[in-house]
Amino acid sequence: MLSDLLIANLDNALRTLTGLQAGSDRPYPGEEVPDTLLRPWERQQAGRMMRVNHAGEVMAQALYTGQAAGTADPELKTQLEHARSEEEDHLRWCQTRLRELNSRPSLLAPLWYGAGWSMGFLAARQGRGTNLGLVVAVENQVEEHLNSHLESLPMDDERSRAVVAQMRDDEVGHAATAESLGAEKLPMPVRMAMGLFSKVLTRGALWI
């Protein structure tokens, strides 16, 4: 029913934006890695970078929720919801690292969520190939972004790197699964617009 769908989507939005998402209960990747990052300015730098990662995961959570809401394909819906559960793990991990670094999530999180949900829902309404194609395009962008963070994080911040590396590996898996299920390549103008929005998100979340 439409009412059930609306309630479920609103519930996911509220849980995401308030930090109450459940996830799949996988352990925190940085748990066994000593937090040896001591210099205050480096902790501030790492905190800003993890804030950007958290903002990206808010958008990814919204994206998968919108995609699942917009498709009537039960197999695809199940796959999207599984990926969303793993993205919830990423949110929890980013939140944990932000607290450890005495930092905070982006104040623009509702904007990132709204943009991600809208993008996902619109793609889903275009059919299975486009829906899966959006997954591939987004996850490829995220993989590139996370690889850059692995190189740019302060040298001593192995704890953040452990979190980012596991997130990166999960994103690669999401893209590979989408490709195996029949993803279609998105048109160049769409991919260019996504790249531009990614830059806006990165810049915005870095400071706000």
Protein backbone atom coordinates (compact mmCIF):
# COMPACT_ATOMS: atom_id res chain seq x y z
CA MET A 1 0.00 0.00 0.00
CA LEU A 2 1.09 3.57 -0.70
CA SER A 3 0.63 4.57 2.94
CA ASP A 4 2.91 1.76 4.13
CA LEU A 5 5.55 2.79 1.58
CA LEU A 6 5.41 6.41 2.69
CA ILE A 7 5.68 5.48 6.36
CA ALA A 8 8.62 3.13 5.70
CA ASN A 9 10.47 5.78 3.69
CA LEU A 10 9.84 8.48 6.28
CA ASP A 11 11.01 6.13 9.03
CA ASN A 12 14.24 5.44 7.14
CA ALA A 13 14.85 9.15 6.63
CA LEU A 14 14.36 9.93 10.30
CA ARG A 15 16.56 7.03 11.42
CA THR A 16 19.30 8.06 9.01
CA LEU A 17 19.26 11.72 9.98
CA THR A 18 19.14 11.01 13.73
CA GLY A 19 21.77 8.26 13.74
CA LEU A 20 19.40 5.44 14.74
CA GLN A 21 19.80 3.15 11.71
CA ALA A 22 20.17 -0.56 12.50
CA GLY A 23 22.50 -1.87 9.79
CA SER A 24 23.62 -5.48 9.61
CA ASP A 25 25.50 -5.31 12.91
CA ARG A 26 28.92 -5.89 11.39
CA PRO A 27 31.78 -4.93 13.74
CA TYR A 28 33.44 -1.53 13.55
CA PRO A 29 36.51 -1.95 11.27
CA GLY A 30 38.66 0.34 13.41
CA GLU A 31 37.97 -1.52 16.66
CA GLU A 32 41.29 -3.36 16.78
CA VAL A 33 43.35 -0.50 15.29
CA PRO A 34 45.06 1.79 17.83
CA ASP A 35 44.05 5.44 17.58
CA THR A 36 47.52 6.97 17.34
CA LEU A 37 46.48 10.27 15.75
CA LEU A 38 47.54 12.80 18.41
CA ARG A 39 48.12 16.18 16.75
CA PRO A 40 44.96 18.35 17.15
CA TRP A 41 45.17 19.84 13.65
CA GLU A 42 45.45 16.37 12.12
CA ARG A 43 42.45 15.14 14.10
CA GLN A 44 40.53 18.16 12.82
CA GLN A 45 41.56 17.35 9.25
CA ALA A 46 40.56 13.70 9.64
CA GLY A 47 37.26 14.77 11.21
CA ARG A 48 36.40 16.94 8.21
CA MET A 49 37.20 14.11 5.82
CA MET A 50 35.09 11.65 7.77
CA ARG A 51 32.27 14.21 7.78
CA VAL A 52 32.38 14.19 3.98
CA ASN A 53 32.29 10.38 4.03
CA HIS A 54 29.34 10.43 6.42
CA ALA A 55 27.47 12.87 4.14
CA GLY A 56 28.11 10.56 1.21
CA GLU A 57 26.70 7.63 3.17
CA VAL A 58 23.61 9.64 4.09
CA MET A 59 23.04 10.24 0.40
CA ALA A 60 23.75 6.60 -0.46
CA GLN A 61 21.25 5.47 2.16
CA ALA A 62 18.64 7.78 0.65
CA LEU A 63 19.55 6.71 -2.88
CA TYR A 64 18.97 3.02 -2.21
CA THR A 65 15.76 3.78 -0.31
CA GLY A 66 14.43 5.81 -3.24
CA GLN A 67 15.46 3.13 -5.72
CA ALA A 68 13.73 0.40 -3.73
CA ALA A 69 10.60 2.56 -3.38
CA GLY A 70 10.45 3.21 -7.11
CA THR A 71 10.75 -0.35 -8.40
CA ALA A 72 8.13 -3.09 -8.58
CA ASP A 73 10.77 -5.76 -9.31
CA PRO A 74 10.90 -7.97 -6.17
CA GLU A 75 14.36 -9.39 -6.94
CA LEU A 76 15.82 -5.94 -7.49
CA LYS A 77 14.08 -4.53 -4.42
CA THR A 78 15.64 -7.28 -2.27
CA GLN A 79 19.10 -6.55 -3.65
CA LEU A 80 18.74 -2.81 -3.13
CA GLU A 81 17.56 -3.30 0.45
CA HIS A 82 20.54 -5.56 1.15
CA ALA A 83 22.92 -2.89 -0.16
CA ARG A 84 21.09 -0.28 1.91
CA SER A 85 21.68 -2.36 5.04
CA GLU A 86 25.42 -2.35 4.35
CA GLU A 87 25.29 1.42 3.80
CA GLU A 88 23.72 1.67 7.27
CA ASP A 89 26.84 -0.04 8.62
CA HIS A 90 28.92 2.63 6.91
CA LEU A 91 26.85 5.34 8.55
CA ARG A 92 27.36 3.79 11.99
CA TRP A 93 31.09 3.47 11.41
CA CYS A 94 31.43 7.07 10.21
CA GLN A 95 29.43 8.30 13.20
CA THR A 96 31.68 6.34 15.55
CA ARG A 97 34.83 7.76 13.99
CA LEU A 98 33.41 11.29 14.04
CA ARG A 99 32.77 10.97 17.77
CA GLU A 100 36.28 9.64 18.34
CA LEU A 101 37.69 12.64 16.48
CA ASN A 102 35.41 15.05 18.38
CA SER A 103 33.79 16.08 15.10
CA ARG A 104 30.20 16.11 13.83
CA PRO A 105 28.07 15.22 10.80
CA SER A 106 27.28 17.77 8.11
CA LEU A 107 24.54 20.25 9.00
CA LEU A 108 23.30 19.86 5.41
CA ALA A 109 22.43 16.18 5.88
CA PRO A 110 18.69 16.70 5.14
CA LEU A 111 19.63 18.26 1.80
CA TRP A 112 21.91 15.33 0.91
CA TYR A 113 19.16 12.88 1.89
CA GLY A 114 16.48 14.62 -0.16
CA ALA A 115 18.70 14.80 -3.23
CA GLY A 116 19.70 11.15 -2.95
CA TRP A 117 16.14 9.86 -2.50
CA SER A 118 14.84 11.89 -5.44
CA MET A 119 17.65 10.71 -7.70
CA GLY A 120 17.10 7.09 -6.73
CA PHE A 121 13.33 7.17 -7.15
CA LEU A 122 13.50 8.86 -10.57
CA ALA A 123 16.07 6.34 -11.80
CA ALA A 124 13.93 3.44 -10.61
CA ARG A 125 10.96 4.71 -12.58
CA GLN A 126 13.06 4.50 -15.77
CA GLY A 127 13.36 0.71 -15.49
CA ARG A 128 15.66 -1.99 -14.19
CA GLY A 129 18.66 -1.19 -16.39
CA THR A 130 18.72 2.50 -15.46
CA ASN A 131 18.08 1.72 -11.80
CA LEU A 132 21.08 -0.61 -11.69
CA GLY A 133 23.08 1.75 -13.88
CA LEU A 134 22.71 4.44 -11.24
CA VAL A 135 24.15 2.06 -8.64
CA VAL A 136 27.21 1.43 -10.81
CA ALA A 137 27.75 5.12 -11.61
CA VAL A 138 27.41 6.22 -7.99
CA GLU A 139 29.52 3.43 -6.53
CA ASN A 140 32.29 4.03 -9.07
CA GLN A 141 32.37 7.69 -8.01
CA VAL A 142 32.40 6.71 -4.34
CA GLU A 143 35.20 4.19 -4.90
CA GLU A 144 37.33 6.90 -6.52
CA HIS A 145 36.54 9.32 -3.70
CA LEU A 146 37.39 6.81 -0.96
CA ASN A 147 40.64 5.87 -2.66
CA SER A 148 41.62 9.53 -2.62
CA HIS A 149 40.83 9.70 1.11
CA LEU A 150 42.97 6.66 1.80
CA GLU A 151 45.86 8.64 0.33
CA SER A 152 44.97 12.01 1.88
CA LEU A 153 44.19 11.09 5.49
CA PRO A 154 46.92 12.03 7.98
CA MET A 155 49.77 9.54 7.86
CA ASP A 156 49.18 8.28 11.41
CA ASP A 157 45.42 7.80 11.04
CA GLU A 158 45.27 4.06 10.43
CA ARG A 159 42.03 3.80 12.38
CA SER A 160 40.15 6.00 9.88
CA ARG A 161 41.85 4.15 7.01
CA ALA A 162 40.52 0.82 8.31
CA VAL A 163 36.98 2.22 8.19
CA VAL A 164 37.39 3.83 4.76
CA ALA A 165 39.01 0.72 3.25
CA GLN A 166 36.12 -1.54 4.32
CA MET A 167 33.60 0.97 3.00
CA ARG A 168 35.48 1.11 -0.31
CA ASP A 169 35.47 -2.68 -0.61
CA ASP A 170 31.71 -2.81 0.02
CA GLU A 171 31.06 -0.14 -2.62
CA VAL A 172 33.08 -2.09 -5.18
CA GLY A 173 30.95 -5.13 -4.38
CA HIS A 174 27.71 -3.18 -4.84
CA ALA A 175 28.82 -1.97 -8.27
CA ALA A 176 29.90 -5.47 -9.34
CA THR A 177 26.57 -6.96 -8.26
CA ALA A 178 24.62 -4.27 -10.13
CA GLU A 179 26.63 -4.94 -13.29
CA SER A 180 25.96 -8.67 -13.04
CA LEU A 181 22.21 -7.99 -12.75
CA GLY A 182 22.05 -6.02 -15.99
CA ALA A 183 23.05 -2.41 -15.30
CA GLU A 184 22.95 -0.05 -18.27
CA LYS A 185 25.48 2.76 -18.66
CA LEU A 186 23.92 6.12 -17.91
CA PRO A 187 24.06 8.86 -20.57
CA MET A 188 27.10 11.13 -20.45
CA PRO A 189 25.13 14.28 -19.47
CA VAL A 190 23.67 12.44 -16.48
CA ARG A 191 27.08 11.20 -15.38
CA MET A 192 28.52 14.71 -15.75
CA ALA A 193 25.71 16.14 -13.63
CA MET A 194 26.35 13.48 -10.99
CA GLY A 195 30.03 14.37 -10.95
CA LEU A 196 29.19 18.04 -10.46
CA PHE A 197 26.81 17.27 -7.61
CA SER A 198 29.47 15.06 -6.00
CA LYS A 199 31.82 18.04 -5.94
CA VAL A 200 29.10 20.21 -4.38
CA LEU A 201 28.49 17.60 -1.67
CA THR A 202 32.20 17.22 -0.95
CA ARG A 203 32.79 20.95 -0.66
CA GLY A 204 29.63 21.57 1.33
CA ALA A 205 30.12 18.75 3.82
CA LEU A 206 33.80 19.58 4.31
CA TRP A 207 32.94 22.86 6.01
CA ILE A 208 29.23 22.81 6.88
